[in-house]
């Protein structure tokens, strides 16, 4: 298992590097759409759909991405705004009352679009500004996850959501916050990316706190859906790592908000 995990991780790193820094912009757009399609296929699994329905949903997601790119790019900020409202105003209630995707396929498919499509929009939008900017936004999520893991292992006593994800603790969340603030401080002190967010230290810190909290929310949301579906991983597409949704769970909530913030700052 460890060998498979390491090999898969190496391929993922190499693939991400190629997408961000080697491929032309249109190829990156298509690669991001491919990621969205795979995530949609896995979403169908969370809905307990049969394989033909899952494939059709993945193809529909590809079509949505392409049509947005070629026919309606002006809708991208609107989608990012809808996504932000969804994660900030709706998902906390979803987690509290443990709503489920079961019983209404149309609703579940719509939620899948609302989770996955704005993630593609965010990746395309951030990448269009700078490959490094997209990587930095993704790095924020990874730093939060790693910091939460080690802080939780070392100090975790108070469970965050024991019925959803028993391993997560409030101490882990505190570790994530500290890790992200340190990461953001280093990034904006020494990186030219600081010029892309012409804000003072306090607003930047508040935005980092918001992004960290939304990152945790995205992680919990997918954990809840998997628990309700009775599965450990969203799929076995990535040996040793589960599925695509397992790798991008926190990104689906964080990247759209990061792209929306950048849109307003730069407008």
C-alpha atoms as a PDB file:
ATOM      1  CA  UNK A   1       0.000   0.000   0.000  1.00  0.00           C
ATOM      2  CA  UNK A   2       2.798   2.440   0.894  1.00  0.00           C
ATOM      3  CA  UNK A   3       4.626   1.691  -2.357  1.00  0.00           C
ATOM      4  CA  UNK A   4       1.485   2.298  -4.402  1.00  0.00           C
ATOM      5  CA  UNK A   5       0.817   5.502  -2.477  1.00  0.00           C
ATOM      6  CA  UNK A   6       4.322   6.841  -3.121  1.00  0.00           C
ATOM      7  CA  UNK A   7       4.290   5.915  -6.822  1.00  0.00           C
ATOM      8  CA  UNK A   8       0.866   7.485  -7.316  1.00  0.00           C
ATOM      9  CA  UNK A   9       1.980  10.623  -5.482  1.00  0.00           C
ATOM     10  CA  UNK A  10       4.992  10.952  -7.771  1.00  0.00           C
ATOM     11  CA  UNK A  11       2.797  10.654 -10.851  1.00  0.00           C
ATOM     12  CA  UNK A  12       0.343  13.191  -9.424  1.00  0.00           C
ATOM     13  CA  UNK A  13       3.120  15.696  -8.722  1.00  0.00           C
ATOM     14  CA  UNK A  14       4.606  15.215 -12.188  1.00  0.00           C
ATOM     15  CA  UNK A  15       1.198  15.527 -13.818  1.00  0.00           C
ATOM     16  CA  UNK A  16       0.324  18.681 -11.890  1.00  0.00           C
ATOM     17  CA  UNK A  17       3.689  20.207 -12.758  1.00  0.00           C
ATOM     18  CA  UNK A  18       3.141  19.481 -16.440  1.00  0.00           C
ATOM     19  CA  UNK A  19      -0.367  20.943 -16.381  1.00  0.00           C
ATOM     20  CA  UNK A  20       0.713  24.117 -14.578  1.00  0.00           C
ATOM     21  CA  UNK A  21       4.029  24.847 -16.229  1.00  0.00           C
ATOM     22  CA  UNK A  22       4.517  22.805 -19.411  1.00  0.00           C
ATOM     23  CA  UNK A  23       1.182  22.610 -21.196  1.00  0.00           C
ATOM     24  CA  UNK A  24      -0.297  25.497 -23.212  1.00  0.00           C
ATOM     25  CA  UNK A  25      -3.284  27.274 -21.629  1.00  0.00           C
ATOM     26  CA  UNK A  26      -5.952  25.428 -23.645  1.00  0.00           C
ATOM     27  CA  UNK A  27      -4.419  22.061 -22.722  1.00  0.00           C
ATOM     28  CA  UNK A  28      -4.529  23.045 -19.053  1.00  0.00           C
ATOM     29  CA  UNK A  29      -8.202  24.006 -19.431  1.00  0.00           C
ATOM     30  CA  UNK A  30      -8.923  20.576 -20.914  1.00  0.00           C
ATOM     31  CA  UNK A  31      -6.888  18.812 -18.236  1.00  0.00           C
ATOM     32  CA  UNK A  32      -8.859  20.599 -15.511  1.00  0.00           C
ATOM     33  CA  UNK A  33     -12.065  19.595 -17.302  1.00  0.00           C
ATOM     34  CA  UNK A  34     -10.863  15.989 -17.265  1.00  0.00           C
ATOM     35  CA  UNK A  35     -10.379  16.212 -13.511  1.00  0.00           C
ATOM     36  CA  UNK A  36     -13.919  17.608 -13.196  1.00  0.00           C
ATOM     37  CA  UNK A  37     -15.306  14.755 -15.308  1.00  0.00           C
ATOM     38  CA  UNK A  38     -13.586  12.115 -13.158  1.00  0.00           C
ATOM     39  CA  UNK A  39     -14.911  13.826 -10.031  1.00  0.00           C
ATOM     40  CA  UNK A  40     -18.405  13.774 -11.556  1.00  0.00           C
ATOM     41  CA  UNK A  41     -18.079  10.054 -12.266  1.00  0.00           C
ATOM     42  CA  UNK A  42     -17.198   9.499  -8.613  1.00  0.00           C
ATOM     43  CA  UNK A  43     -20.059  11.749  -7.517  1.00  0.00           C
ATOM     44  CA  UNK A  44     -22.406   9.357  -9.269  1.00  0.00           C
ATOM     45  CA  UNK A  45     -20.938   6.635  -7.068  1.00  0.00           C
ATOM     46  CA  UNK A  46     -21.814   8.649  -3.951  1.00  0.00           C
ATOM     47  CA  UNK A  47     -25.358   8.734  -5.334  1.00  0.00           C
ATOM     48  CA  UNK A  48     -25.258   4.945  -5.792  1.00  0.00           C
ATOM     49  CA  UNK A  49     -25.860   5.309  -9.525  1.00  0.00           C
ATOM     50  CA  UNK A  50     -25.121   2.561 -12.041  1.00  0.00           C
ATOM     51  CA  UNK A  51     -22.098   2.874 -14.347  1.00  0.00           C
ATOM     52  CA  UNK A  52     -24.002   4.146 -17.443  1.00  0.00           C
ATOM     53  CA  UNK A  53     -25.518   7.017 -15.436  1.00  0.00           C
ATOM     54  CA  UNK A  54     -22.133   7.846 -13.962  1.00  0.00           C
ATOM     55  CA  UNK A  55     -20.497   7.965 -17.390  1.00  0.00           C
ATOM     56  CA  UNK A  56     -23.263  10.194 -18.760  1.00  0.00           C
ATOM     57  CA  UNK A  57     -22.871  12.545 -15.803  1.00  0.00           C
ATOM     58  CA  UNK A  58     -19.114  12.748 -16.409  1.00  0.00           C
ATOM     59  CA  UNK A  59     -19.705  13.542 -20.087  1.00  0.00           C
ATOM     60  CA  UNK A  60     -22.272  16.179 -19.128  1.00  0.00           C
ATOM     61  CA  UNK A  61     -19.711  17.792 -16.809  1.00  0.00           C
ATOM     62  CA  UNK A  62     -17.228  17.931 -19.685  1.00  0.00           C
ATOM     63  CA  UNK A  63     -19.870  19.595 -21.847  1.00  0.00           C
ATOM     64  CA  UNK A  64     -20.670  22.154 -19.144  1.00  0.00           C
ATOM     65  CA  UNK A  65     -16.984  23.033 -18.826  1.00  0.00           C
ATOM     66  CA  UNK A  66     -16.495  23.412 -22.559  1.00  0.00           C
ATOM     67  CA  UNK A  67     -19.639  25.464 -23.105  1.00  0.00           C
ATOM     68  CA  UNK A  68     -18.710  27.816 -20.291  1.00  0.00           C
ATOM     69  CA  UNK A  69     -15.247  28.236 -21.743  1.00  0.00           C
ATOM     70  CA  UNK A  70     -16.272  28.931 -25.342  1.00  0.00           C
ATOM     71  CA  UNK A  71     -19.762  30.429 -25.057  1.00  0.00           C
ATOM     72  CA  UNK A  72     -20.319  31.993 -21.641  1.00  0.00           C
ATOM     73  CA  UNK A  73     -17.084  33.049 -19.909  1.00  0.00           C
ATOM     74  CA  UNK A  74     -18.918  36.063 -18.478  1.00  0.00           C
ATOM     75  CA  UNK A  75     -20.810  33.664 -16.194  1.00  0.00           C
ATOM     76  CA  UNK A  76     -17.668  32.492 -14.398  1.00  0.00           C
ATOM     77  CA  UNK A  77     -17.713  35.136 -11.604  1.00  0.00           C
ATOM     78  CA  UNK A  78     -21.418  34.425 -11.036  1.00  0.00           C
ATOM     79  CA  UNK A  79     -20.716  30.718 -10.586  1.00  0.00           C
ATOM     80  CA  UNK A  80     -17.932  31.515  -8.148  1.00  0.00           C
ATOM     81  CA  UNK A  81     -20.321  33.718  -6.157  1.00  0.00           C
ATOM     82  CA  UNK A  82     -22.985  30.994  -6.043  1.00  0.00           C
ATOM     83  CA  UNK A  83     -20.350  28.526  -4.884  1.00  0.00           C
ATOM     84  CA  UNK A  84     -19.216  30.853  -2.087  1.00  0.00           C
ATOM     85  CA  UNK A  85     -22.801  31.243  -0.848  1.00  0.00           C
ATOM     86  CA  UNK A  86     -23.262  27.475  -0.990  1.00  0.00           C
ATOM     87  CA  UNK A  87     -20.177  26.694   1.100  1.00  0.00           C
ATOM     88  CA  UNK A  88     -20.521  29.547   3.584  1.00  0.00           C
ATOM     89  CA  UNK A  89     -24.307  29.717   4.073  1.00  0.00           C
ATOM     90  CA  UNK A  90     -25.661  26.256   3.175  1.00  0.00           C
ATOM     91  CA  UNK A  91     -23.074  23.600   3.975  1.00  0.00           C
ATOM     92  CA  UNK A  92     -22.823  24.422   7.730  1.00  0.00           C
ATOM     93  CA  UNK A  93     -26.542  23.566   7.980  1.00  0.00           C
ATOM     94  CA  UNK A  94     -26.019  20.484   5.806  1.00  0.00           C
ATOM     95  CA  UNK A  95     -23.350  19.246   8.211  1.00  0.00           C
ATOM     96  CA  UNK A  96     -25.422  20.108  11.272  1.00  0.00           C
ATOM     97  CA  UNK A  97     -28.573  18.330  10.102  1.00  0.00           C
ATOM     98  CA  UNK A  98     -26.754  15.671   8.056  1.00  0.00           C
ATOM     99  CA  UNK A  99     -28.814  16.043   4.929  1.00  0.00           C
ATOM    100  CA  UNK A 100     -28.324  13.313   2.349  1.00  0.00           C
ATOM    101  CA  UNK A 101     -28.151  12.961  -1.435  1.00  0.00           C
ATOM    102  CA  UNK A 102     -30.410   9.914  -1.339  1.00  0.00           C
ATOM    103  CA  UNK A 103     -33.982  10.026  -2.599  1.00  0.00           C
ATOM    104  CA  UNK A 104     -33.812  12.836  -5.136  1.00  0.00           C
ATOM    105  CA  UNK A 105     -31.517  12.250  -8.094  1.00  0.00           C
ATOM    106  CA  UNK A 106     -32.183  15.623  -9.735  1.00  0.00           C
ATOM    107  CA  UNK A 107     -31.235  17.439  -6.534  1.00  0.00           C
ATOM    108  CA  UNK A 108     -28.124  15.291  -6.045  1.00  0.00           C
ATOM    109  CA  UNK A 109     -26.952  15.868  -9.620  1.00  0.00           C
ATOM    110  CA  UNK A 110     -27.474  19.617  -9.142  1.00  0.00           C
ATOM    111  CA  UNK A 111     -25.423  19.617  -5.947  1.00  0.00           C
ATOM    112  CA  UNK A 112     -22.682  17.743  -7.796  1.00  0.00           C
ATOM    113  CA  UNK A 113     -22.593  20.456 -10.454  1.00  0.00           C
ATOM    114  CA  UNK A 114     -22.496  23.103  -7.735  1.00  0.00           C
ATOM    115  CA  UNK A 115     -19.531  21.388  -6.070  1.00  0.00           C
ATOM    116  CA  UNK A 116     -17.485  20.373  -9.125  1.00  0.00           C
ATOM    117  CA  UNK A 117     -18.124  22.955 -11.845  1.00  0.00           C
ATOM    118  CA  UNK A 118     -17.032  26.037  -9.814  1.00  0.00           C
ATOM    119  CA  UNK A 119     -13.879  24.120  -8.874  1.00  0.00           C
ATOM    120  CA  UNK A 120     -13.047  23.848 -12.573  1.00  0.00           C
ATOM    121  CA  UNK A 121     -13.902  27.540 -13.009  1.00  0.00           C
ATOM    122  CA  UNK A 122     -11.571  28.451 -10.140  1.00  0.00           C
ATOM    123  CA  UNK A 123      -8.690  26.368 -11.475  1.00  0.00           C
ATOM    124  CA  UNK A 124      -9.034  27.925 -14.923  1.00  0.00           C
ATOM    125  CA  UNK A 125      -9.399  31.465 -13.532  1.00  0.00           C
ATOM    126  CA  UNK A 126      -6.444  31.266 -11.137  1.00  0.00           C
ATOM    127  CA  UNK A 127      -4.275  29.540 -13.741  1.00  0.00           C
ATOM    128  CA  UNK A 128      -5.093  32.284 -16.252  1.00  0.00           C
ATOM    129  CA  UNK A 129      -3.626  34.842 -13.857  1.00  0.00           C
ATOM    130  CA  UNK A 130      -0.585  32.778 -12.875  1.00  0.00           C
ATOM    131  CA  UNK A 131       0.308  29.103 -12.617  1.00  0.00           C
ATOM    132  CA  UNK A 132       2.109  29.980  -9.398  1.00  0.00           C
ATOM    133  CA  UNK A 133      -1.027  31.619  -8.031  1.00  0.00           C
ATOM    134  CA  UNK A 134      -3.065  28.455  -8.573  1.00  0.00           C
ATOM    135  CA  UNK A 135      -0.301  26.403  -6.981  1.00  0.00           C
ATOM    136  CA  UNK A 136      -0.191  28.788  -4.009  1.00  0.00           C
ATOM    137  CA  UNK A 137      -3.953  28.473  -3.501  1.00  0.00           C
ATOM    138  CA  UNK A 138      -3.728  24.691  -3.656  1.00  0.00           C
ATOM    139  CA  UNK A 139      -0.736  24.844  -1.306  1.00  0.00           C
ATOM    140  CA  UNK A 140      -2.853  26.658   1.262  1.00  0.00           C
ATOM    141  CA  UNK A 141      -5.209  23.684   1.388  1.00  0.00           C
ATOM    142  CA  UNK A 142      -2.348  21.203   1.629  1.00  0.00           C
ATOM    143  CA  UNK A 143      -0.687  23.188   4.426  1.00  0.00           C
ATOM    144  CA  UNK A 144      -3.987  23.326   6.316  1.00  0.00           C
ATOM    145  CA  UNK A 145      -4.482  19.577   5.930  1.00  0.00           C
ATOM    146  CA  UNK A 146      -0.938  18.645   6.971  1.00  0.00           C
ATOM    147  CA  UNK A 147      -0.903  21.087   9.903  1.00  0.00           C
ATOM    148  CA  UNK A 148      -4.281  19.819  11.105  1.00  0.00           C
ATOM    149  CA  UNK A 149      -3.077  16.223  10.921  1.00  0.00           C
ATOM    150  CA  UNK A 150       0.057  16.739  13.002  1.00  0.00           C
ATOM    151  CA  UNK A 151      -1.587  19.109  15.488  1.00  0.00           C
ATOM    152  CA  UNK A 152      -4.462  16.687  15.900  1.00  0.00           C
ATOM    153  CA  UNK A 153      -2.105  13.759  16.432  1.00  0.00           C
ATOM    154  CA  UNK A 154      -0.100  15.678  19.018  1.00  0.00           C
ATOM    155  CA  UNK A 155      -2.777  17.598  20.884  1.00  0.00           C
ATOM    156  CA  UNK A 156      -6.184  16.413  19.693  1.00  0.00           C
ATOM    157  CA  UNK A 157      -8.635  15.908  22.564  1.00  0.00           C
ATOM    158  CA  UNK A 158     -11.805  17.736  21.574  1.00  0.00           C
ATOM    159  CA  UNK A 159     -13.574  16.145  18.608  1.00  0.00           C
ATOM    160  CA  UNK A 160     -14.648  18.465  15.809  1.00  0.00           C
ATOM    161  CA  UNK A 161     -17.394  16.304  14.282  1.00  0.00           C
ATOM    162  CA  UNK A 162     -17.261  12.827  15.842  1.00  0.00           C
ATOM    163  CA  UNK A 163     -20.237  11.440  13.919  1.00  0.00           C
ATOM    164  CA  UNK A 164     -18.837  12.607  10.572  1.00  0.00           C
ATOM    165  CA  UNK A 165     -15.058  12.307  10.856  1.00  0.00           C
ATOM    166  CA  UNK A 166     -13.952  10.976  14.265  1.00  0.00           C
ATOM    167  CA  UNK A 167     -10.270  11.656  13.609  1.00  0.00           C
ATOM    168  CA  UNK A 168     -10.661  15.428  13.320  1.00  0.00           C
ATOM    169  CA  UNK A 169     -10.326  17.674  16.366  1.00  0.00           C
ATOM    170  CA  UNK A 170     -10.572  21.335  17.259  1.00  0.00           C
ATOM    171  CA  UNK A 171      -6.887  21.254  18.103  1.00  0.00           C
ATOM    172  CA  UNK A 172      -6.287  20.115  14.530  1.00  0.00           C
ATOM    173  CA  UNK A 173      -8.297  23.074  13.253  1.00  0.00           C
ATOM    174  CA  UNK A 174      -6.184  25.396  15.412  1.00  0.00           C
ATOM    175  CA  UNK A 175      -3.064  23.804  13.933  1.00  0.00           C
ATOM    176  CA  UNK A 176      -4.447  24.355  10.429  1.00  0.00           C
ATOM    177  CA  UNK A 177      -5.074  28.032  11.180  1.00  0.00           C
ATOM    178  CA  UNK A 178      -1.570  28.540  12.550  1.00  0.00           C
ATOM    179  CA  UNK A 179      -0.005  26.656   9.652  1.00  0.00           C
ATOM    180  CA  UNK A 180      -1.896  28.674   7.053  1.00  0.00           C
ATOM    181  CA  UNK A 181      -1.088  31.999   8.723  1.00  0.00           C
ATOM    182  CA  UNK A 182       2.614  31.102   8.758  1.00  0.00           C
ATOM    183  CA  UNK A 183       2.384  29.909   5.145  1.00  0.00           C
ATOM    184  CA  UNK A 184       0.605  33.091   4.099  1.00  0.00           C
ATOM    185  CA  UNK A 185       3.087  35.269   5.954  1.00  0.00           C
ATOM    186  CA  UNK A 186       6.039  33.619   4.235  1.00  0.00           C
ATOM    187  CA  UNK A 187       4.325  33.705   0.852  1.00  0.00           C
ATOM    188  CA  UNK A 188       3.380  37.362   0.981  1.00  0.00           C
ATOM    189  CA  UNK A 189       6.693  38.439   2.499  1.00  0.00           C
ATOM    190  CA  UNK A 190       8.954  36.786  -0.027  1.00  0.00           C
ATOM    191  CA  UNK A 191       6.860  36.015  -3.108  1.00  0.00           C
ATOM    192  CA  UNK A 192       5.980  38.277  -6.057  1.00  0.00           C
ATOM    193  CA  UNK A 193       2.467  36.860  -5.696  1.00  0.00           C
ATOM    194  CA  UNK A 194       1.938  39.465  -2.972  1.00  0.00           C
ATOM    195  CA  UNK A 195       1.495  42.056  -5.689  1.00  0.00           C
ATOM    196  CA  UNK A 196      -1.570  40.241  -6.955  1.00  0.00           C
ATOM    197  CA  UNK A 197      -3.365  40.917  -3.664  1.00  0.00           C
ATOM    198  CA  UNK A 198      -2.774  44.615  -2.885  1.00  0.00           C
ATOM    199  CA  UNK A 199      -4.030  44.368   0.687  1.00  0.00           C
ATOM    200  CA  UNK A 200      -2.544  45.065   4.087  1.00  0.00           C
ATOM    201  CA  UNK A 201      -1.627  42.366   6.586  1.00  0.00           C
ATOM    202  CA  UNK A 202      -4.892  42.340   8.581  1.00  0.00           C
ATOM    203  CA  UNK A 203      -7.274  41.828   5.632  1.00  0.00           C
ATOM    204  CA  UNK A 204      -4.960  39.135   4.267  1.00  0.00           C
ATOM    205  CA  UNK A 205      -4.962  37.344   7.633  1.00  0.00           C
ATOM    206  CA  UNK A 206      -8.769  37.481   7.789  1.00  0.00           C
ATOM    207  CA  UNK A 207      -9.033  36.100   4.263  1.00  0.00           C
ATOM    208  CA  UNK A 208      -6.646  33.289   5.157  1.00  0.00           C
ATOM    209  CA  UNK A 209      -8.794  32.446   8.180  1.00  0.00           C
ATOM    210  CA  UNK A 210     -11.885  32.359   5.976  1.00  0.00           C
ATOM    211  CA  UNK A 211     -10.210  30.128   3.409  1.00  0.00           C
ATOM    212  CA  UNK A 212      -8.971  27.775   6.133  1.00  0.00           C
ATOM    213  CA  UNK A 213     -12.434  27.409   7.660  1.00  0.00           C
ATOM    214  CA  UNK A 214     -13.972  26.743   4.260  1.00  0.00           C
ATOM    215  CA  UNK A 215     -11.235  24.181   3.579  1.00  0.00           C
ATOM    216  CA  UNK A 216     -12.210  22.275   6.725  1.00  0.00           C
ATOM    217  CA  UNK A 217     -15.856  22.478   5.709  1.00  0.00           C
ATOM    218  CA  UNK A 218     -15.153  20.965   2.302  1.00  0.00           C
ATOM    219  CA  UNK A 219     -13.255  18.086   3.888  1.00  0.00           C
ATOM    220  CA  UNK A 220     -16.085  17.384   6.325  1.00  0.00           C
ATOM    221  CA  UNK A 221     -18.712  17.564   3.587  1.00  0.00           C
ATOM    222  CA  UNK A 222     -17.146  14.809   1.520  1.00  0.00           C
ATOM    223  CA  UNK A 223     -16.519  12.736   4.656  1.00  0.00           C
ATOM    224  CA  UNK A 224     -20.230  12.967   5.453  1.00  0.00           C
ATOM    225  CA  UNK A 225     -21.260  11.939   1.934  1.00  0.00           C
ATOM    226  CA  UNK A 226     -18.907   8.935   1.960  1.00  0.00           C
ATOM    227  CA  UNK A 227     -20.129   7.877   5.378  1.00  0.00           C
ATOM    228  CA  UNK A 228     -23.743   8.105   4.201  1.00  0.00           C
ATOM    229  CA  UNK A 229     -22.871   6.110   1.065  1.00  0.00           C
ATOM    230  CA  UNK A 230     -21.097   3.492   3.172  1.00  0.00           C
ATOM    231  CA  UNK A 231     -17.752   3.783   1.377  1.00  0.00           C
ATOM    232  CA  UNK A 232     -14.235   4.614   2.529  1.00  0.00           C
ATOM    233  CA  UNK A 233     -12.953   6.225  -0.689  1.00  0.00           C
ATOM    234  CA  UNK A 234     -14.773   7.915  -3.563  1.00  0.00           C
ATOM    235  CA  UNK A 235     -13.164   5.405  -5.972  1.00  0.00           C
ATOM    236  CA  UNK A 236      -9.962   3.449  -6.605  1.00  0.00           C
ATOM    237  CA  UNK A 237      -8.749   5.593  -9.489  1.00  0.00           C
ATOM    238  CA  UNK A 238      -5.627   6.650  -7.572  1.00  0.00           C
ATOM    239  CA  UNK A 239      -3.939   3.602  -6.018  1.00  0.00           C
ATOM    240  CA  UNK A 240      -3.124   4.262  -2.386  1.00  0.00           C
ATOM    241  CA  UNK A 241      -4.992   7.576  -2.427  1.00  0.00           C
ATOM    242  CA  UNK A 242      -8.586   6.630  -3.164  1.00  0.00           C
ATOM    243  CA  UNK A 243     -10.304   8.752  -5.782  1.00  0.00           C
ATOM    244  CA  UNK A 244     -10.177  12.202  -7.320  1.00  0.00           C
ATOM    245  CA  UNK A 245     -12.785  13.574  -4.924  1.00  0.00           C
ATOM    246  CA  UNK A 246     -10.680  12.318  -2.023  1.00  0.00           C
ATOM    247  CA  UNK A 247      -7.776  14.432  -3.290  1.00  0.00           C
ATOM    248  CA  UNK A 248      -9.767  17.570  -4.105  1.00  0.00           C
ATOM    249  CA  UNK A 249     -12.389  17.535  -1.340  1.00  0.00           C
ATOM    250  CA  UNK A 250     -11.095  20.656   0.415  1.00  0.00           C
ATOM    251  CA  UNK A 251     -10.128  22.248  -2.907  1.00  0.00           C
ATOM    252  CA  UNK A 252     -13.768  22.189  -4.059  1.00  0.00           C
ATOM    253  CA  UNK A 253     -14.696  24.596  -1.281  1.00  0.00           C
ATOM    254  CA  UNK A 254     -11.511  26.673  -1.113  1.00  0.00           C
ATOM    255  CA  UNK A 255     -10.469  27.341  -4.718  1.00  0.00           C
ATOM    256  CA  UNK A 256     -13.769  28.951  -5.828  1.00  0.00           C
ATOM    257  CA  UNK A 257     -13.684  31.311  -2.844  1.00  0.00           C
ATOM    258  CA  UNK A 258     -10.024  32.143  -3.514  1.00  0.00           C
ATOM    259  CA  UNK A 259     -10.806  32.870  -7.173  1.00  0.00           C
ATOM    260  CA  UNK A 260     -13.797  35.028  -6.202  1.00  0.00           C
ATOM    261  CA  UNK A 261     -11.680  37.039  -3.751  1.00  0.00           C
ATOM    262  CA  UNK A 262      -9.060  37.586  -6.436  1.00  0.00           C
ATOM    263  CA  UNK A 263     -11.744  38.662  -8.903  1.00  0.00           C
ATOM    264  CA  UNK A 264     -13.017  41.379  -6.569  1.00  0.00           C
ATOM    265  CA  UNK A 265      -9.548  42.522  -5.532  1.00  0.00           C
ATOM    266  CA  UNK A 266      -8.418  42.862  -9.136  1.00  0.00           C
ATOM    267  CA  UNK A 267     -11.637  44.450 -10.453  1.00  0.00           C
END
